Amino acid sequence: MRVQLLFAARGGCTDALFARLDDEGRRAKAASASARVIGLTQVADDVFPLANPLGRPFEAVLELQTPSTDDGDALVGALSGTVDRLDDVIHRDLSGVLVGIPHEIIPTAPTAVRYLYLMRRKSTHSREQYYDYYFNNHSRFGHRTPGIAGYTQFHVDDARSRAAASTLGVGTWGADSVSELHLNSTAEFFAALATVPTLGDEAGADEELFVDRTNSKSFTTDTRFIL
């Protein structure tokens, strides 16, 4: 089970949010000793949000994960008070939380850099149809992508995420999934991607079948800490 608390920084408060994320990570770890806690912060001069210009990226992510699928409520509980303590440096309504199950298509240990693509399904697909196509068909592009150390599909539970948003006091919970590429560096990734120049267009065309790309959002993060 995984919970991602996604932070939208107030203008001019990004550095302050990054600095205080460390303390919030330690609080979450103390409240949920069995959880792996990871702090992610958006890289400087991130080019990926330009691919989804209508979707505001998040500046920081606090992620809690356990091996058990029954730990959702406990993980959300471990984040109690986080939003209140950061209220002066974040916009609550633009921040969000996602709860669900991560599927490691290409397993890896946490890497230095992670690309996150928060995807929303098209109205033509039910949630079940979306996940079926995403997992069983679209995942082939992850296997074909060079320059990555791992690929994870985070399948979001809408009801759990909506409840967590109410509990924690944030406004966003609506993504259906998060595609994550685990990278050693963005430079290494872009250099490798240049060797298969048609891959991006092919993957994009496939996404058009089931993803509401206009209302999705993407950004890239540095791994700030792992607890």
C-alpha atoms as a PDB file:
ATOM      1  CA  MET A   1       0.000   0.000   0.000  1.00  0.00           C
ATOM      2  CA  ARG A   2       1.206   3.484  -0.818  1.00  0.00           C
ATOM      3  CA  VAL A   3       0.201   7.010   0.137  1.00  0.00           C
ATOM      4  CA  GLN A   4       1.624  10.030  -1.679  1.00  0.00           C
ATOM      5  CA  LEU A   5       1.061  13.444  -0.123  1.00  0.00           C
ATOM      6  CA  LEU A   6       1.623  15.999  -2.889  1.00  0.00           C
ATOM      7  CA  PHE A   7       2.503  19.581  -2.010  1.00  0.00           C
ATOM      8  CA  ALA A   8       1.815  22.742  -4.018  1.00  0.00           C
ATOM      9  CA  ALA A   9       4.151  25.433  -2.658  1.00  0.00           C
ATOM     10  CA  ARG A  10       3.039  29.009  -2.140  1.00  0.00           C
ATOM     11  CA  GLY A  11       4.885  31.523  -4.296  1.00  0.00           C
ATOM     12  CA  GLY A  12       8.401  32.082  -3.004  1.00  0.00           C
ATOM     13  CA  CYS A  13       8.100  29.268  -0.434  1.00  0.00           C
ATOM     14  CA  THR A  14       9.583  26.344  -2.348  1.00  0.00           C
ATOM     15  CA  ASP A  15      12.924  26.345  -0.526  1.00  0.00           C
ATOM     16  CA  ALA A  16      11.202  26.608   2.855  1.00  0.00           C
ATOM     17  CA  LEU A  17       8.938  23.679   1.952  1.00  0.00           C
ATOM     18  CA  PHE A  18      11.934  21.592   0.909  1.00  0.00           C
ATOM     19  CA  ALA A  19      13.742  22.330   4.175  1.00  0.00           C
ATOM     20  CA  ARG A  20      10.739  21.414   6.318  1.00  0.00           C
ATOM     21  CA  LEU A  21       9.972  18.248   4.379  1.00  0.00           C
ATOM     22  CA  ASP A  22      12.800  16.482   6.223  1.00  0.00           C
ATOM     23  CA  ASP A  23      11.156  16.993   9.626  1.00  0.00           C
ATOM     24  CA  GLU A  24       7.796  15.856   8.283  1.00  0.00           C
ATOM     25  CA  GLY A  25       9.418  12.719   6.909  1.00  0.00           C
ATOM     26  CA  ARG A  26      10.888  11.923  10.316  1.00  0.00           C
ATOM     27  CA  ARG A  27       7.519  12.500  12.000  1.00  0.00           C
ATOM     28  CA  ALA A  28       5.816  10.152   9.544  1.00  0.00           C
ATOM     29  CA  LYS A  29       8.471   7.489  10.068  1.00  0.00           C
ATOM     30  CA  ALA A  30       8.096   7.711  13.836  1.00  0.00           C
ATOM     31  CA  ALA A  31       4.323   7.315  13.485  1.00  0.00           C
ATOM     32  CA  SER A  32       4.600   4.337  11.123  1.00  0.00           C
ATOM     33  CA  ALA A  33       7.771   2.419  11.903  1.00  0.00           C
ATOM     34  CA  SER A  34       7.084  -0.311   9.319  1.00  0.00           C
ATOM     35  CA  ALA A  35       6.703   2.163   6.453  1.00  0.00           C
ATOM     36  CA  ARG A  36       9.365   3.216   3.994  1.00  0.00           C
ATOM     37  CA  VAL A  37       9.253   7.019   3.858  1.00  0.00           C
ATOM     38  CA  ILE A  38      10.633   8.900   0.853  1.00  0.00           C
ATOM     39  CA  GLY A  39      10.831  12.654   0.291  1.00  0.00           C
ATOM     40  CA  LEU A  40      10.853  13.928  -3.287  1.00  0.00           C
ATOM     41  CA  THR A  41      11.470  17.524  -4.403  1.00  0.00           C
ATOM     42  CA  GLN A  42      10.991  18.907  -7.906  1.00  0.00           C
ATOM     43  CA  VAL A  43      14.211  19.353  -9.869  1.00  0.00           C
ATOM     44  CA  ALA A  44      15.303  22.836 -10.890  1.00  0.00           C
ATOM     45  CA  ASP A  45      14.376  23.886 -14.448  1.00  0.00           C
ATOM     46  CA  ASP A  46      12.061  20.882 -14.827  1.00  0.00           C
ATOM     47  CA  VAL A  47      11.034  20.598 -18.497  1.00  0.00           C
ATOM     48  CA  PHE A  48       8.398  17.890 -18.101  1.00  0.00           C
ATOM     49  CA  PRO A  49       5.469  20.100 -16.962  1.00  0.00           C
ATOM     50  CA  LEU A  50       5.512  21.665 -20.451  1.00  0.00           C
ATOM     51  CA  ALA A  51       4.088  18.400 -21.798  1.00  0.00           C
ATOM     52  CA  ASN A  52       0.886  18.996 -19.806  1.00  0.00           C
ATOM     53  CA  PRO A  53       0.598  22.792 -19.586  1.00  0.00           C
ATOM     54  CA  LEU A  54      -2.887  22.789 -18.028  1.00  0.00           C
ATOM     55  CA  GLY A  55      -1.733  20.648 -15.094  1.00  0.00           C
ATOM     56  CA  ARG A  56       0.148  22.438 -12.330  1.00  0.00           C
ATOM     57  CA  PRO A  57       3.068  20.268 -11.096  1.00  0.00           C
ATOM     58  CA  PHE A  58       3.736  19.590  -7.425  1.00  0.00           C
ATOM     59  CA  GLU A  59       6.923  20.880  -5.832  1.00  0.00           C
ATOM     60  CA  ALA A  60       7.315  18.130  -3.234  1.00  0.00           C
ATOM     61  CA  VAL A  61       6.021  14.663  -2.396  1.00  0.00           C
ATOM     62  CA  LEU A  62       6.019  12.743   0.877  1.00  0.00           C
ATOM     63  CA  GLU A  63       5.563   9.042   0.136  1.00  0.00           C
ATOM     64  CA  LEU A  64       4.799   6.257   2.623  1.00  0.00           C
ATOM     65  CA  GLN A  65       4.706   2.616   1.558  1.00  0.00           C
ATOM     66  CA  THR A  66       4.367  -0.788   3.251  1.00  0.00           C
ATOM     67  CA  PRO A  67       4.274  -4.358   1.901  1.00  0.00           C
ATOM     68  CA  SER A  68       0.741  -4.905   3.223  1.00  0.00           C
ATOM     69  CA  THR A  69      -2.348  -3.866   1.232  1.00  0.00           C
ATOM     70  CA  ASP A  70      -4.245  -3.313   4.505  1.00  0.00           C
ATOM     71  CA  ASP A  71      -2.228  -0.351   5.784  1.00  0.00           C
ATOM     72  CA  GLY A  72      -3.954   2.517   3.978  1.00  0.00           C
ATOM     73  CA  ASP A  73      -5.684   4.047   6.989  1.00  0.00           C
ATOM     74  CA  ALA A  74      -2.562   3.695   9.151  1.00  0.00           C
ATOM     75  CA  LEU A  75      -0.397   5.417   6.546  1.00  0.00           C
ATOM     76  CA  VAL A  76      -2.846   8.286   6.222  1.00  0.00           C
ATOM     77  CA  GLY A  77      -2.941   8.512  10.013  1.00  0.00           C
ATOM     78  CA  ALA A  78       0.849   8.791  10.122  1.00  0.00           C
ATOM     79  CA  LEU A  79       0.520  11.991   8.075  1.00  0.00           C
ATOM     80  CA  SER A  80      -1.956  13.572  10.461  1.00  0.00           C
ATOM     81  CA  GLY A  81      -1.035  17.200  11.153  1.00  0.00           C
ATOM     82  CA  THR A  82       1.416  17.481   8.254  1.00  0.00           C
ATOM     83  CA  VAL A  83      -0.740  19.824   6.197  1.00  0.00           C
ATOM     84  CA  ASP A  84      -1.545  21.975   9.233  1.00  0.00           C
ATOM     85  CA  ARG A  85       2.134  22.397  10.070  1.00  0.00           C
ATOM     86  CA  LEU A  86       2.984  23.360   6.478  1.00  0.00           C
ATOM     87  CA  ASP A  87      -0.023  25.599   5.956  1.00  0.00           C
ATOM     88  CA  ASP A  88       2.081  28.764   5.722  1.00  0.00           C
ATOM     89  CA  VAL A  89       4.223  27.420   2.843  1.00  0.00           C
ATOM     90  CA  ILE A  90       1.687  25.404   0.807  1.00  0.00           C
ATOM     91  CA  HIS A  91      -1.693  25.892  -0.828  1.00  0.00           C
ATOM     92  CA  ARG A  92      -3.979  23.302   0.761  1.00  0.00           C
ATOM     93  CA  ASP A  93      -6.533  23.299  -2.052  1.00  0.00           C
ATOM     94  CA  LEU A  94      -3.858  22.788  -4.735  1.00  0.00           C
ATOM     95  CA  SER A  95      -2.075  20.082  -2.741  1.00  0.00           C
ATOM     96  CA  GLY A  96      -3.274  16.493  -2.925  1.00  0.00           C
ATOM     97  CA  VAL A  97      -3.079  12.922  -1.728  1.00  0.00           C
ATOM     98  CA  LEU A  98      -3.193   9.605  -3.573  1.00  0.00           C
ATOM     99  CA  VAL A  99      -3.742   6.196  -1.979  1.00  0.00           C
ATOM    100  CA  GLY A 100      -3.395   2.899  -3.806  1.00  0.00           C
ATOM    101  CA  ILE A 101      -1.221   0.016  -4.919  1.00  0.00           C
ATOM    102  CA  PRO A 102       2.164   0.376  -6.680  1.00  0.00           C
ATOM    103  CA  HIS A 103       2.893  -2.227  -9.366  1.00  0.00           C
ATOM    104  CA  GLU A 104       6.601  -2.573 -10.128  1.00  0.00           C
ATOM    105  CA  ILE A 105       6.719  -3.361 -13.851  1.00  0.00           C
ATOM    106  CA  ILE A 106      10.521  -3.048 -13.842  1.00  0.00           C
ATOM    107  CA  PRO A 107      11.554  -3.398 -10.175  1.00  0.00           C
ATOM    108  CA  THR A 108      14.355  -1.269  -8.782  1.00  0.00           C
ATOM    109  CA  ALA A 109      15.627   0.186  -5.546  1.00  0.00           C
ATOM    110  CA  PRO A 110      14.864   3.922  -5.156  1.00  0.00           C
ATOM    111  CA  THR A 111      16.992   5.986  -7.522  1.00  0.00           C
ATOM    112  CA  ALA A 112      18.346   9.531  -7.392  1.00  0.00           C
ATOM    113  CA  VAL A 113      15.690  10.898  -9.755  1.00  0.00           C
ATOM    114  CA  ARG A 114      12.030  10.009 -10.325  1.00  0.00           C
ATOM    115  CA  TYR A 115       9.690  11.131 -13.096  1.00  0.00           C
ATOM    116  CA  LEU A 116       6.004  11.179 -12.108  1.00  0.00           C
ATOM    117  CA  TYR A 117       3.136  11.343 -14.572  1.00  0.00           C
ATOM    118  CA  LEU A 118      -0.239  11.779 -12.869  1.00  0.00           C
ATOM    119  CA  MET A 119      -2.682  10.375 -15.402  1.00  0.00           C
ATOM    120  CA  ARG A 120      -6.444  10.802 -15.719  1.00  0.00           C
ATOM    121  CA  ARG A 121      -8.567   8.401 -17.745  1.00  0.00           C
ATOM    122  CA  LYS A 122     -10.720   9.337 -20.695  1.00  0.00           C
ATOM    123  CA  SER A 123     -14.499   9.196 -20.346  1.00  0.00           C
ATOM    124  CA  THR A 124     -14.488   6.372 -22.895  1.00  0.00           C
ATOM    125  CA  HIS A 125     -12.945   4.008 -20.336  1.00  0.00           C
ATOM    126  CA  SER A 126     -14.286   2.740 -17.043  1.00  0.00           C
ATOM    127  CA  ARG A 127     -11.740   2.522 -14.241  1.00  0.00           C
ATOM    128  CA  GLU A 128     -11.483  -1.247 -14.796  1.00  0.00           C
ATOM    129  CA  GLN A 129     -10.973  -0.851 -18.555  1.00  0.00           C
ATOM    130  CA  TYR A 130      -8.393   1.856 -17.945  1.00  0.00           C
ATOM    131  CA  TYR A 131      -6.315  -0.280 -15.599  1.00  0.00           C
ATOM    132  CA  ASP A 132      -6.590  -3.321 -17.851  1.00  0.00           C
ATOM    133  CA  TYR A 133      -5.231  -1.476 -20.864  1.00  0.00           C
ATOM    134  CA  TYR A 134      -2.660   0.469 -18.857  1.00  0.00           C
ATOM    135  CA  PHE A 135      -1.223  -2.618 -17.154  1.00  0.00           C
ATOM    136  CA  ASN A 136      -1.538  -5.223 -19.908  1.00  0.00           C
ATOM    137  CA  ASN A 137      -0.885  -3.135 -23.024  1.00  0.00           C
ATOM    138  CA  HIS A 138       0.605   0.301 -22.426  1.00  0.00           C
ATOM    139  CA  SER A 139       3.253  -1.118 -20.086  1.00  0.00           C
ATOM    140  CA  ARG A 140       5.165  -2.369 -23.139  1.00  0.00           C
ATOM    141  CA  PHE A 141       6.485   1.159 -23.642  1.00  0.00           C
ATOM    142  CA  GLY A 142       8.125   1.035 -20.228  1.00  0.00           C
ATOM    143  CA  HIS A 143      10.043  -2.052 -21.284  1.00  0.00           C
ATOM    144  CA  ARG A 144      11.133  -0.285 -24.476  1.00  0.00           C
ATOM    145  CA  THR A 145      12.267   2.938 -22.811  1.00  0.00           C
ATOM    146  CA  PRO A 146      16.065   3.210 -22.570  1.00  0.00           C
ATOM    147  CA  GLY A 147      17.985   4.983 -19.846  1.00  0.00           C
ATOM    148  CA  ILE A 148      15.714   3.973 -16.975  1.00  0.00           C
ATOM    149  CA  ALA A 149      16.480   1.871 -13.898  1.00  0.00           C
ATOM    150  CA  GLY A 150      12.858   0.995 -13.144  1.00  0.00           C
ATOM    151  CA  TYR A 151       9.214   1.547 -14.037  1.00  0.00           C
ATOM    152  CA  THR A 152       6.285   1.601 -11.598  1.00  0.00           C
ATOM    153  CA  GLN A 153       2.554   1.922 -12.207  1.00  0.00           C
ATOM    154  CA  PHE A 154       0.850   3.371  -9.120  1.00  0.00           C
ATOM    155  CA  HIS A 155      -2.849   2.450  -9.401  1.00  0.00           C
ATOM    156  CA  VAL A 156      -4.878   4.937  -7.366  1.00  0.00           C
ATOM    157  CA  ASP A 157      -7.899   3.960  -5.258  1.00  0.00           C
ATOM    158  CA  ASP A 158     -10.399   6.780  -5.795  1.00  0.00           C
ATOM    159  CA  ALA A 159     -12.506   6.187  -2.673  1.00  0.00           C
ATOM    160  CA  ARG A 160      -9.510   5.866  -0.359  1.00  0.00           C
ATOM    161  CA  SER A 161      -7.863   8.939  -1.884  1.00  0.00           C
ATOM    162  CA  ARG A 162     -11.024  11.013  -1.549  1.00  0.00           C
ATOM    163  CA  ALA A 163     -11.351  10.002   2.112  1.00  0.00           C
ATOM    164  CA  ALA A 164      -7.661  10.749   2.742  1.00  0.00           C
ATOM    165  CA  ALA A 165      -8.023  14.213   1.183  1.00  0.00           C
ATOM    166  CA  SER A 166     -10.866  14.968   3.576  1.00  0.00           C
ATOM    167  CA  THR A 167      -8.888  13.644   6.556  1.00  0.00           C
ATOM    168  CA  LEU A 168      -5.660  15.491   5.759  1.00  0.00           C
ATOM    169  CA  GLY A 169      -7.243  18.695   4.481  1.00  0.00           C
ATOM    170  CA  VAL A 170      -6.070  18.876   0.863  1.00  0.00           C
ATOM    171  CA  GLY A 171      -8.063  19.487  -2.286  1.00  0.00           C
ATOM    172  CA  THR A 172      -6.794  17.045  -4.911  1.00  0.00           C
ATOM    173  CA  TRP A 173      -7.260  13.277  -5.185  1.00  0.00           C
ATOM    174  CA  GLY A 174      -8.437  12.800  -8.771  1.00  0.00           C
ATOM    175  CA  ALA A 175      -5.586  11.060 -10.632  1.00  0.00           C
ATOM    176  CA  ASP A 176      -6.305   7.503 -11.755  1.00  0.00           C
ATOM    177  CA  SER A 177      -2.676   6.421 -11.808  1.00  0.00           C
ATOM    178  CA  VAL A 178       0.900   7.609 -11.654  1.00  0.00           C
ATOM    179  CA  SER A 179       3.458   6.360 -14.175  1.00  0.00           C
ATOM    180  CA  GLU A 180       6.893   6.532 -12.607  1.00  0.00           C
ATOM    181  CA  LEU A 181      10.240   6.221 -14.332  1.00  0.00           C
ATOM    182  CA  HIS A 182      13.161   5.721 -11.953  1.00  0.00           C
ATOM    183  CA  LEU A 183      16.290   7.427 -13.281  1.00  0.00           C
ATOM    184  CA  ASN A 184      19.934   7.753 -12.328  1.00  0.00           C
ATOM    185  CA  SER A 185      19.952  11.231 -13.887  1.00  0.00           C
ATOM    186  CA  THR A 186      17.881  13.245 -16.338  1.00  0.00           C
ATOM    187  CA  ALA A 187      20.953  13.773 -18.557  1.00  0.00           C
ATOM    188  CA  GLU A 188      21.488  10.021 -18.868  1.00  0.00           C
ATOM    189  CA  PHE A 189      17.784   9.525 -19.601  1.00  0.00           C
ATOM    190  CA  PHE A 190      17.580  12.149 -22.361  1.00  0.00           C
ATOM    191  CA  ALA A 191      20.775  10.880 -23.991  1.00  0.00           C
ATOM    192  CA  ALA A 192      19.403   7.339 -24.098  1.00  0.00           C
ATOM    193  CA  LEU A 193      15.984   8.502 -25.296  1.00  0.00           C
ATOM    194  CA  ALA A 194      17.592  10.276 -28.256  1.00  0.00           C
ATOM    195  CA  THR A 195      18.638   6.875 -29.602  1.00  0.00           C
ATOM    196  CA  VAL A 196      14.958   5.916 -30.175  1.00  0.00           C
ATOM    197  CA  PRO A 197      13.466   9.140 -31.552  1.00  0.00           C
ATOM    198  CA  THR A 198      10.097   7.610 -32.509  1.00  0.00           C
ATOM    199  CA  LEU A 199       9.326   6.144 -29.087  1.00  0.00           C
ATOM    200  CA  GLY A 200       7.807   9.310 -27.610  1.00  0.00           C
ATOM    201  CA  ASP A 201       5.364   9.723 -30.489  1.00  0.00           C
ATOM    202  CA  GLU A 202       4.386   6.053 -30.350  1.00  0.00           C
ATOM    203  CA  ALA A 203       3.776   6.128 -26.606  1.00  0.00           C
ATOM    204  CA  GLY A 204       1.858   9.390 -26.922  1.00  0.00           C
ATOM    205  CA  ALA A 205      -0.385   7.974 -29.635  1.00  0.00           C
ATOM    206  CA  ASP A 206      -1.127   4.963 -27.470  1.00  0.00           C
ATOM    207  CA  GLU A 207      -1.939   7.206 -24.499  1.00  0.00           C
ATOM    208  CA  GLU A 208      -4.468   9.063 -26.631  1.00  0.00           C
ATOM    209  CA  LEU A 209      -6.535   5.865 -26.640  1.00  0.00           C
ATOM    210  CA  PHE A 210      -7.230   5.908 -22.906  1.00  0.00           C
ATOM    211  CA  VAL A 211      -5.579   8.892 -21.146  1.00  0.00           C
ATOM    212  CA  ASP A 212      -7.003  12.416 -20.811  1.00  0.00           C
ATOM    213  CA  ARG A 213      -3.587  13.881 -21.476  1.00  0.00           C
ATOM    214  CA  THR A 214      -4.777  17.500 -21.455  1.00  0.00           C
ATOM    215  CA  ASN A 215      -5.794  17.244 -17.806  1.00  0.00           C
ATOM    216  CA  SER A 216      -2.916  15.066 -16.637  1.00  0.00           C
ATOM    217  CA  LYS A 217       0.312  16.468 -15.170  1.00  0.00           C
ATOM    218  CA  SER A 218       3.976  15.493 -15.142  1.00  0.00           C
ATOM    219  CA  PHE A 219       7.077  16.564 -13.258  1.00  0.00           C
ATOM    220  CA  THR A 220      10.486  15.238 -12.190  1.00  0.00           C
ATOM    221  CA  THR A 221      11.928  14.994  -8.698  1.00  0.00           C
ATOM    222  CA  ASP A 222      15.150  14.484  -6.816  1.00  0.00           C
ATOM    223  CA  THR A 223      15.054  11.894  -4.040  1.00  0.00           C
ATOM    224  CA  ARG A 224      15.730  14.073  -1.012  1.00  0.00           C
ATOM    225  CA  PHE A 225      15.678  11.332   1.617  1.00  0.00           C
ATOM    226  CA  ILE A 226      14.777   7.685   2.216  1.00  0.00           C
ATOM    227  CA  LEU A 227      13.817   6.571   5.726  1.00  0.00           C
END
